Amino acid sequence: MRRYNLEVLGISETHWTQVGQQRLTSGELLLYSGHEEEHAPHTQGVALMLSKQAQNALTGWESHGQRIIITVDFNEEIFI
């Protein structure tokens, strides 16, 4: 993300299950959404990777299943 100066990166076909977030060792935050069933197949799934600046502007997010990208709300005063 830093190489291309990206603040938000959309990722498809993660093949992860469940919904959650994970902070990477590089400092970015990964928000992900996949199948919600406990023993679901590892197919589909979407994610967003946020830079530190985007994380500071994030006010909330919501999963909409394994195929639809996550609804994210940003505080425009901080982010833009």
PDB file of N, CA and C in Angstrom:
ATOM      1  N   MET A   1       0.822  -1.186   0.000  1.00  0.00           N
ATOM      2  CA  MET A   1       0.000   0.000   0.000  1.00  0.00           C
ATOM      3  C   MET A   1       0.869   1.255   0.000  1.00  0.00           C
ATOM      4  N   ARG A   2       1.921   1.221   0.757  1.00  0.00           N
ATOM      5  CA  ARG A   2       2.796   2.402   0.832  1.00  0.00           C
ATOM      6  C   ARG A   2       3.457   2.688  -0.511  1.00  0.00           C
ATOM      7  N   ARG A   3       3.838   1.632  -1.193  1.00  0.00           N
ATOM      8  CA  ARG A   3       4.527   1.795  -2.478  1.00  0.00           C
ATOM      9  C   ARG A   3       3.676   2.580  -3.479  1.00  0.00           C
ATOM     10  N   TYR A   4       2.367   2.333  -3.475  1.00  0.00           N
ATOM     11  CA  TYR A   4       1.463   2.999  -4.404  1.00  0.00           C
ATOM     12  C   TYR A   4       0.681   4.135  -3.748  1.00  0.00           C
ATOM     13  N   ASN A   5       1.040   4.486  -2.522  1.00  0.00           N
ATOM     14  CA  ASN A   5       0.412   5.585  -1.790  1.00  0.00           C
ATOM     15  C   ASN A   5      -1.103   5.383  -1.653  1.00  0.00           C
ATOM     16  N   LEU A   6      -1.514   4.175  -1.267  1.00  0.00           N
ATOM     17  CA  LEU A   6      -2.926   3.851  -1.084  1.00  0.00           C
ATOM     18  C   LEU A   6      -3.300   3.971   0.387  1.00  0.00           C
ATOM     19  N   GLU A   7      -4.486   4.487   0.642  1.00  0.00           N
ATOM     20  CA  GLU A   7      -5.005   4.574   2.007  1.00  0.00           C
ATOM     21  C   GLU A   7      -5.965   3.424   2.300  1.00  0.00           C
ATOM     22  N   VAL A   8      -6.727   2.996   1.281  1.00  0.00           N
ATOM     23  CA  VAL A   8      -7.696   1.906   1.421  1.00  0.00           C
ATOM     24  C   VAL A   8      -7.511   0.962   0.242  1.00  0.00           C
ATOM     25  N   LEU A   9      -7.430  -0.331   0.538  1.00  0.00           N
ATOM     26  CA  LEU A   9      -7.254  -1.342  -0.502  1.00  0.00           C
ATOM     27  C   LEU A   9      -8.344  -2.399  -0.358  1.00  0.00           C
ATOM     28  N   GLY A  10      -9.137  -2.610  -1.404  1.00  0.00           N
ATOM     29  CA  GLY A  10     -10.163  -3.645  -1.411  1.00  0.00           C
ATOM     30  C   GLY A  10      -9.577  -4.965  -1.877  1.00  0.00           C
ATOM     31  N   ILE A  11      -9.930  -6.043  -1.188  1.00  0.00           N
ATOM     32  CA  ILE A  11      -9.404  -7.370  -1.512  1.00  0.00           C
ATOM     33  C   ILE A  11     -10.584  -8.322  -1.700  1.00  0.00           C
ATOM     34  N   SER A  12     -10.580  -9.068  -2.794  1.00  0.00           N
ATOM     35  CA  SER A  12     -11.642 -10.051  -3.029  1.00  0.00           C
ATOM     36  C   SER A  12     -11.071 -11.457  -2.956  1.00  0.00           C
ATOM     37  N   GLU A  13     -11.974 -12.428  -2.848  1.00  0.00           N
ATOM     38  CA  GLU A  13     -11.595 -13.844  -2.808  1.00  0.00           C
ATOM     39  C   GLU A  13     -10.575 -14.147  -1.708  1.00  0.00           C
ATOM     40  N   THR A  14     -10.862 -13.698  -0.497  1.00  0.00           N
ATOM     41  CA  THR A  14      -9.948 -13.962   0.615  1.00  0.00           C
ATOM     42  C   THR A  14      -9.997 -15.422   1.057  1.00  0.00           C
ATOM     43  N   HIS A  15     -11.139 -16.070   0.853  1.00  0.00           N
ATOM     44  CA  HIS A  15     -11.352 -17.468   1.250  1.00  0.00           C
ATOM     45  C   HIS A  15     -11.279 -17.636   2.771  1.00  0.00           C
ATOM     46  N   TRP A  16     -11.576 -16.568   3.517  1.00  0.00           N
ATOM     47  CA  TRP A  16     -11.600 -16.640   4.975  1.00  0.00           C
ATOM     48  C   TRP A  16     -13.034 -16.778   5.443  1.00  0.00           C
ATOM     49  N   THR A  17     -13.216 -17.356   6.610  1.00  0.00           N
ATOM     50  CA  THR A  17     -14.546 -17.462   7.199  1.00  0.00           C
ATOM     51  C   THR A  17     -14.665 -16.472   8.352  1.00  0.00           C
ATOM     52  N   GLN A  18     -15.893 -16.264   8.781  1.00  0.00           N
ATOM     53  CA  GLN A  18     -16.211 -15.372   9.898  1.00  0.00           C
ATOM     54  C   GLN A  18     -16.041 -13.898   9.510  1.00  0.00           C
ATOM     55  N   VAL A  19     -16.258 -13.031  10.480  1.00  0.00           N
ATOM     56  CA  VAL A  19     -16.145 -11.584  10.314  1.00  0.00           C
ATOM     57  C   VAL A  19     -15.220 -11.077  11.395  1.00  0.00           C
ATOM     58  N   GLY A  20     -14.329 -10.160  11.064  1.00  0.00           N
ATOM     59  CA  GLY A  20     -13.449  -9.632  12.096  1.00  0.00           C
ATOM     60  C   GLY A  20     -12.471  -8.611  11.572  1.00  0.00           C
ATOM     61  N   GLN A  21     -11.528  -8.300  12.422  1.00  0.00           N
ATOM     62  CA  GLN A  21     -10.468  -7.368  12.047  1.00  0.00           C
ATOM     63  C   GLN A  21      -9.168  -7.832  12.661  1.00  0.00           C
ATOM     64  N   GLN A  22      -8.076  -7.463  12.014  1.00  0.00           N
ATOM     65  CA  GLN A  22      -6.757  -7.876  12.484  1.00  0.00           C
ATOM     66  C   GLN A  22      -5.751  -6.785  12.144  1.00  0.00           C
ATOM     67  N   ARG A  23      -4.957  -6.405  13.121  1.00  0.00           N
ATOM     68  CA  ARG A  23      -3.896  -5.424  12.884  1.00  0.00           C
ATOM     69  C   ARG A  23      -2.654  -6.178  12.424  1.00  0.00           C
ATOM     70  N   LEU A  24      -2.097  -5.749  11.319  1.00  0.00           N
ATOM     71  CA  LEU A  24      -0.916  -6.387  10.756  1.00  0.00           C
ATOM     72  C   LEU A  24       0.345  -5.818  11.393  1.00  0.00           C
ATOM     73  N   THR A  25       1.426  -6.557  11.334  1.00  0.00           N
ATOM     74  CA  THR A  25       2.681  -6.086  11.925  1.00  0.00           C
ATOM     75  C   THR A  25       3.189  -4.826  11.232  1.00  0.00           C
ATOM     76  N   SER A  26       2.766  -4.599  10.004  1.00  0.00           N
ATOM     77  CA  SER A  26       3.165  -3.399   9.264  1.00  0.00           C
ATOM     78  C   SER A  26       2.371  -2.168   9.685  1.00  0.00           C
ATOM     79  N   GLY A  27       1.336  -2.364  10.528  1.00  0.00           N
ATOM     80  CA  GLY A  27       0.547  -1.241  11.028  1.00  0.00           C
ATOM     81  C   GLY A  27      -0.809  -1.088  10.373  1.00  0.00           C
ATOM     82  N   GLU A  28      -1.019  -1.702   9.216  1.00  0.00           N
ATOM     83  CA  GLU A  28      -2.311  -1.612   8.555  1.00  0.00           C
ATOM     84  C   GLU A  28      -3.354  -2.428   9.318  1.00  0.00           C
ATOM     85  N   LEU A  29      -4.615  -2.066   9.118  1.00  0.00           N
ATOM     86  CA  LEU A  29      -5.729  -2.779   9.736  1.00  0.00           C
ATOM     87  C   LEU A  29      -6.483  -3.509   8.642  1.00  0.00           C
ATOM     88  N   LEU A  30      -6.773  -4.775   8.856  1.00  0.00           N
ATOM     89  CA  LEU A  30      -7.488  -5.596   7.896  1.00  0.00           C
ATOM     90  C   LEU A  30      -8.883  -5.872   8.442  1.00  0.00           C
ATOM     91  N   LEU A  31      -9.907  -5.435   7.713  1.00  0.00           N
ATOM     92  CA  LEU A  31     -11.302  -5.725   8.046  1.00  0.00           C
ATOM     93  C   LEU A  31     -11.766  -6.791   7.064  1.00  0.00           C
ATOM     94  N   TYR A  32     -12.320  -7.897   7.567  1.00  0.00           N
ATOM     95  CA  TYR A  32     -12.674  -8.979   6.648  1.00  0.00           C
ATOM     96  C   TYR A  32     -14.058  -9.534   6.937  1.00  0.00           C
ATOM     97  N   SER A  33     -14.649 -10.127   5.908  1.00  0.00           N
ATOM     98  CA  SER A  33     -15.984 -10.693   5.996  1.00  0.00           C
ATOM     99  C   SER A  33     -16.057 -11.918   5.099  1.00  0.00           C
ATOM    100  N   GLY A  34     -16.459 -13.044   5.684  1.00  0.00           N
ATOM    101  CA  GLY A  34     -16.599 -14.282   4.931  1.00  0.00           C
ATOM    102  C   GLY A  34     -17.858 -15.008   5.361  1.00  0.00           C
ATOM    103  N   HIS A  35     -17.942 -16.291   5.060  1.00  0.00           N
ATOM    104  CA  HIS A  35     -19.082 -17.096   5.507  1.00  0.00           C
ATOM    105  C   HIS A  35     -19.160 -17.045   7.029  1.00  0.00           C
ATOM    106  N   GLU A  36     -20.365 -16.897   7.565  1.00  0.00           N
ATOM    107  CA  GLU A  36     -20.517 -16.778   9.011  1.00  0.00           C
ATOM    108  C   GLU A  36     -20.751 -18.116   9.709  1.00  0.00           C
ATOM    109  N   GLU A  37     -21.100 -19.155   8.953  1.00  0.00           N
ATOM    110  CA  GLU A  37     -21.343 -20.459   9.558  1.00  0.00           C
ATOM    111  C   GLU A  37     -20.034 -21.042  10.089  1.00  0.00           C
ATOM    112  N   GLU A  38     -20.137 -21.798  11.172  1.00  0.00           N
ATOM    113  CA  GLU A  38     -18.945 -22.331  11.836  1.00  0.00           C
ATOM    114  C   GLU A  38     -18.125 -23.261  10.941  1.00  0.00           C
ATOM    115  N   HIS A  39     -18.792 -24.155  10.223  1.00  0.00           N
ATOM    116  CA  HIS A  39     -18.078 -25.127   9.381  1.00  0.00           C
ATOM    117  C   HIS A  39     -18.284 -24.823   7.899  1.00  0.00           C
ATOM    118  N   ALA A  40     -18.303 -23.571   7.553  1.00  0.00           N
ATOM    119  CA  ALA A  40     -18.532 -23.149   6.168  1.00  0.00           C
ATOM    120  C   ALA A  40     -17.299 -23.431   5.313  1.00  0.00           C
ATOM    121  N   PRO A  41     -17.511 -23.578   4.013  1.00  0.00           N
ATOM    122  CA  PRO A  41     -16.358 -23.781   3.126  1.00  0.00           C
ATOM    123  C   PRO A  41     -15.513 -22.510   3.050  1.00  0.00           C
ATOM    124  N   HIS A  42     -14.250 -22.680   2.817  1.00  0.00           N
ATOM    125  CA  HIS A  42     -13.343 -21.535   2.679  1.00  0.00           C
ATOM    126  C   HIS A  42     -13.384 -21.047   1.232  1.00  0.00           C
ATOM    127  N   THR A  43     -14.495 -20.406   0.893  1.00  0.00           N
ATOM    128  CA  THR A  43     -14.682 -19.842  -0.440  1.00  0.00           C
ATOM    129  C   THR A  43     -15.163 -18.411  -0.285  1.00  0.00           C
ATOM    130  N   GLN A  44     -15.029 -17.649  -1.334  1.00  0.00           N
ATOM    131  CA  GLN A  44     -15.471 -16.254  -1.384  1.00  0.00           C
ATOM    132  C   GLN A  44     -14.767 -15.428  -0.310  1.00  0.00           C
ATOM    133  N   GLY A  45     -15.401 -14.401   0.185  1.00  0.00           N
ATOM    134  CA  GLY A  45     -14.821 -13.542   1.208  1.00  0.00           C
ATOM    135  C   GLY A  45     -14.233 -12.262   0.640  1.00  0.00           C
ATOM    136  N   VAL A  46     -14.386 -11.183   1.385  1.00  0.00           N
ATOM    137  CA  VAL A  46     -13.871  -9.875   0.989  1.00  0.00           C
ATOM    138  C   VAL A  46     -13.170  -9.227   2.170  1.00  0.00           C
ATOM    139  N   ALA A  47     -12.333  -8.237   1.888  1.00  0.00           N
ATOM    140  CA  ALA A  47     -11.616  -7.543   2.957  1.00  0.00           C
ATOM    141  C   ALA A  47     -11.241  -6.139   2.510  1.00  0.00           C
ATOM    142  N   LEU A  48     -10.972  -5.290   3.479  1.00  0.00           N
ATOM    143  CA  LEU A  48     -10.408  -3.966   3.242  1.00  0.00           C
ATOM    144  C   LEU A  48      -9.167  -3.833   4.094  1.00  0.00           C
ATOM    145  N   MET A  49      -8.109  -3.303   3.515  1.00  0.00           N
ATOM    146  CA  MET A  49      -6.901  -3.008   4.273  1.00  0.00           C
ATOM    147  C   MET A  49      -6.815  -1.488   4.390  1.00  0.00           C
ATOM    148  N   LEU A  50      -6.647  -1.002   5.619  1.00  0.00           N
ATOM    149  CA  LEU A  50      -6.636   0.436   5.877  1.00  0.00           C
ATOM    150  C   LEU A  50      -5.268   0.892   6.360  1.00  0.00           C
ATOM    151  N   SER A  51      -4.809   2.012   5.826  1.00  0.00           N
ATOM    152  CA  SER A  51      -3.566   2.619   6.296  1.00  0.00           C
ATOM    153  C   SER A  51      -3.795   3.204   7.689  1.00  0.00           C
ATOM    154  N   LYS A  52      -2.742   3.666   8.322  1.00  0.00           N
ATOM    155  CA  LYS A  52      -2.876   4.279   9.645  1.00  0.00           C
ATOM    156  C   LYS A  52      -3.747   5.523   9.583  1.00  0.00           C
ATOM    157  N   GLN A  53      -3.611   6.321   8.527  1.00  0.00           N
ATOM    158  CA  GLN A  53      -4.430   7.522   8.381  1.00  0.00           C
ATOM    159  C   GLN A  53      -5.902   7.149   8.218  1.00  0.00           C
ATOM    160  N   ALA A  54      -6.191   6.141   7.420  1.00  0.00           N
ATOM    161  CA  ALA A  54      -7.571   5.700   7.231  1.00  0.00           C
ATOM    162  C   ALA A  54      -8.139   5.133   8.529  1.00  0.00           C
ATOM    163  N   GLN A  55      -7.316   4.445   9.313  1.00  0.00           N
ATOM    164  CA  GLN A  55      -7.766   3.909  10.603  1.00  0.00           C
ATOM    165  C   GLN A  55      -8.186   5.031  11.542  1.00  0.00           C
ATOM    166  N   ASN A  56      -7.438   6.132  11.544  1.00  0.00           N
ATOM    167  CA  ASN A  56      -7.760   7.264  12.408  1.00  0.00           C
ATOM    168  C   ASN A  56      -9.082   7.907  12.029  1.00  0.00           C
ATOM    169  N   ALA A  57      -9.459   7.824  10.755  1.00  0.00           N
ATOM    170  CA  ALA A  57     -10.701   8.418  10.278  1.00  0.00           C
ATOM    171  C   ALA A  57     -11.885   7.459  10.357  1.00  0.00           C
ATOM    172  N   LEU A  58     -11.635   6.176  10.576  1.00  0.00           N
ATOM    173  CA  LEU A  58     -12.694   5.168  10.612  1.00  0.00           C
ATOM    174  C   LEU A  58     -13.599   5.388  11.814  1.00  0.00           C
ATOM    175  N   THR A  59     -14.899   5.515  11.562  1.00  0.00           N
ATOM    176  CA  THR A  59     -15.854   5.681  12.657  1.00  0.00           C
ATOM    177  C   THR A  59     -16.720   4.444  12.858  1.00  0.00           C
ATOM    178  N   GLY A  60     -16.712   3.525  11.900  1.00  0.00           N
ATOM    179  CA  GLY A  60     -17.479   2.295  12.054  1.00  0.00           C
ATOM    180  C   GLY A  60     -17.470   1.480  10.774  1.00  0.00           C
ATOM    181  N   TRP A  61     -17.779   0.208  10.922  1.00  0.00           N
ATOM    182  CA  TRP A  61     -17.882  -0.653   9.749  1.00  0.00           C
ATOM    183  C   TRP A  61     -18.859  -1.774  10.040  1.00  0.00           C
ATOM    184  N   GLU A  62     -19.407  -2.355   8.963  1.00  0.00           N
ATOM    185  CA  GLU A  62     -20.416  -3.398   9.092  1.00  0.00           C
ATOM    186  C   GLU A  62     -20.259  -4.393   7.951  1.00  0.00           C
ATOM    187  N   SER A  63     -20.337  -5.656   8.280  1.00  0.00           N
ATOM    188  CA  SER A  63     -20.232  -6.724   7.295  1.00  0.00           C
ATOM    189  C   SER A  63     -21.581  -6.951   6.621  1.00  0.00           C
ATOM    190  N   HIS A  64     -21.538  -7.283   5.330  1.00  0.00           N
ATOM    191  CA  HIS A  64     -22.754  -7.612   4.591  1.00  0.00           C
ATOM    192  C   HIS A  64     -22.610  -8.956   3.890  1.00  0.00           C
ATOM    193  N   GLY A  65     -21.968  -9.907   4.537  1.00  0.00           N
ATOM    194  CA  GLY A  65     -21.829 -11.236   3.963  1.00  0.00           C
ATOM    195  C   GLY A  65     -20.500 -11.454   3.273  1.00  0.00           C
ATOM    196  N   GLN A  66     -20.382 -12.619   2.639  1.00  0.00           N
ATOM    197  CA  GLN A  66     -19.107 -13.023   2.071  1.00  0.00           C
ATOM    198  C   GLN A  66     -18.846 -12.466   0.673  1.00  0.00           C
ATOM    199  N   ARG A  67     -19.841 -11.848   0.043  1.00  0.00           N
ATOM    200  CA  ARG A  67     -19.645 -11.371  -1.326  1.00  0.00           C
ATOM    201  C   ARG A  67     -19.710  -9.857  -1.476  1.00  0.00           C
ATOM    202  N   ILE A  68     -20.281  -9.194  -0.504  1.00  0.00           N
ATOM    203  CA  ILE A  68     -20.473  -7.748  -0.620  1.00  0.00           C
ATOM    204  C   ILE A  68     -19.458  -7.048   0.259  1.00  0.00           C
ATOM    205  N   ILE A  69     -18.780  -6.077  -0.311  1.00  0.00           N
ATOM    206  CA  ILE A  69     -17.749  -5.368   0.427  1.00  0.00           C
ATOM    207  C   ILE A  69     -18.365  -4.684   1.643  1.00  0.00           C
ATOM    208  N   ILE A  70     -17.584  -4.435   2.589  1.00  0.00           N
ATOM    209  CA  ILE A  70     -17.989  -3.938   3.891  1.00  0.00           C
ATOM    210  C   ILE A  70     -18.411  -2.472   3.807  1.00  0.00           C
ATOM    211  N   THR A  71     -19.472  -2.099   4.535  1.00  0.00           N
ATOM    212  CA  THR A  71     -19.860  -0.705   4.655  1.00  0.00           C
ATOM    213  C   THR A  71     -18.944  -0.047   5.667  1.00  0.00           C
ATOM    214  N   VAL A  72     -18.292   1.026   5.251  1.00  0.00           N
ATOM    215  CA  VAL A  72     -17.326   1.701   6.116  1.00  0.00           C
ATOM    216  C   VAL A  72     -17.704   3.172   6.213  1.00  0.00           C
ATOM    217  N   ASP A  73     -17.644   3.725   7.419  1.00  0.00           N
ATOM    218  CA  ASP A  73     -17.908   5.144   7.634  1.00  0.00           C
ATOM    219  C   ASP A  73     -16.620   5.824   8.059  1.00  0.00           C
ATOM    220  N   PHE A  74     -16.284   6.927   7.372  1.00  0.00           N
ATOM    221  CA  PHE A  74     -15.081   7.690   7.691  1.00  0.00           C
ATOM    222  C   PHE A  74     -15.459   9.097   8.135  1.00  0.00           C
ATOM    223  N   ASN A  75     -14.699   9.642   9.056  1.00  0.00           N
ATOM    224  CA  ASN A  75     -14.815  11.033   9.443  1.00  0.00           C
ATOM    225  C   ASN A  75     -14.086  11.837   8.374  1.00  0.00           C
ATOM    226  N   GLU A  76     -14.818  12.549   7.528  1.00  0.00           N
ATOM    227  CA  GLU A  76     -14.222  13.238   6.381  1.00  0.00           C
ATOM    228  C   GLU A  76     -13.222  14.308   6.789  1.00  0.00           C
ATOM    229  N   GLU A  77     -13.425  14.959   7.912  1.00  0.00           N
ATOM    230  CA  GLU A  77     -12.515  16.026   8.334  1.00  0.00           C
ATOM    231  C   GLU A  77     -11.110  15.495   8.583  1.00  0.00           C
ATOM    232  N   ILE A  78     -11.006  14.276   9.064  1.00  0.00           N
ATOM    233  CA  ILE A  78      -9.698  13.680   9.341  1.00  0.00           C
ATOM    234  C   ILE A  78      -9.101  13.066   8.088  1.00  0.00           C
ATOM    235  N   PHE A  79      -9.923  12.434   7.277  1.00  0.00           N
ATOM    236  CA  PHE A  79      -9.434  11.615   6.172  1.00  0.00           C
ATOM    237  C   PHE A  79      -9.155  12.392   4.896  1.00  0.00           C
ATOM    238  N   ILE A  80      -9.942  13.414   4.615  1.00  0.00           N
ATOM    239  CA  ILE A  80      -9.803  14.117   3.328  1.00  0.00           C
ATOM    240  C   ILE A  80      -8.927  15.342   3.472  1.00  0.00           C
TER     241      ILE A  80
END
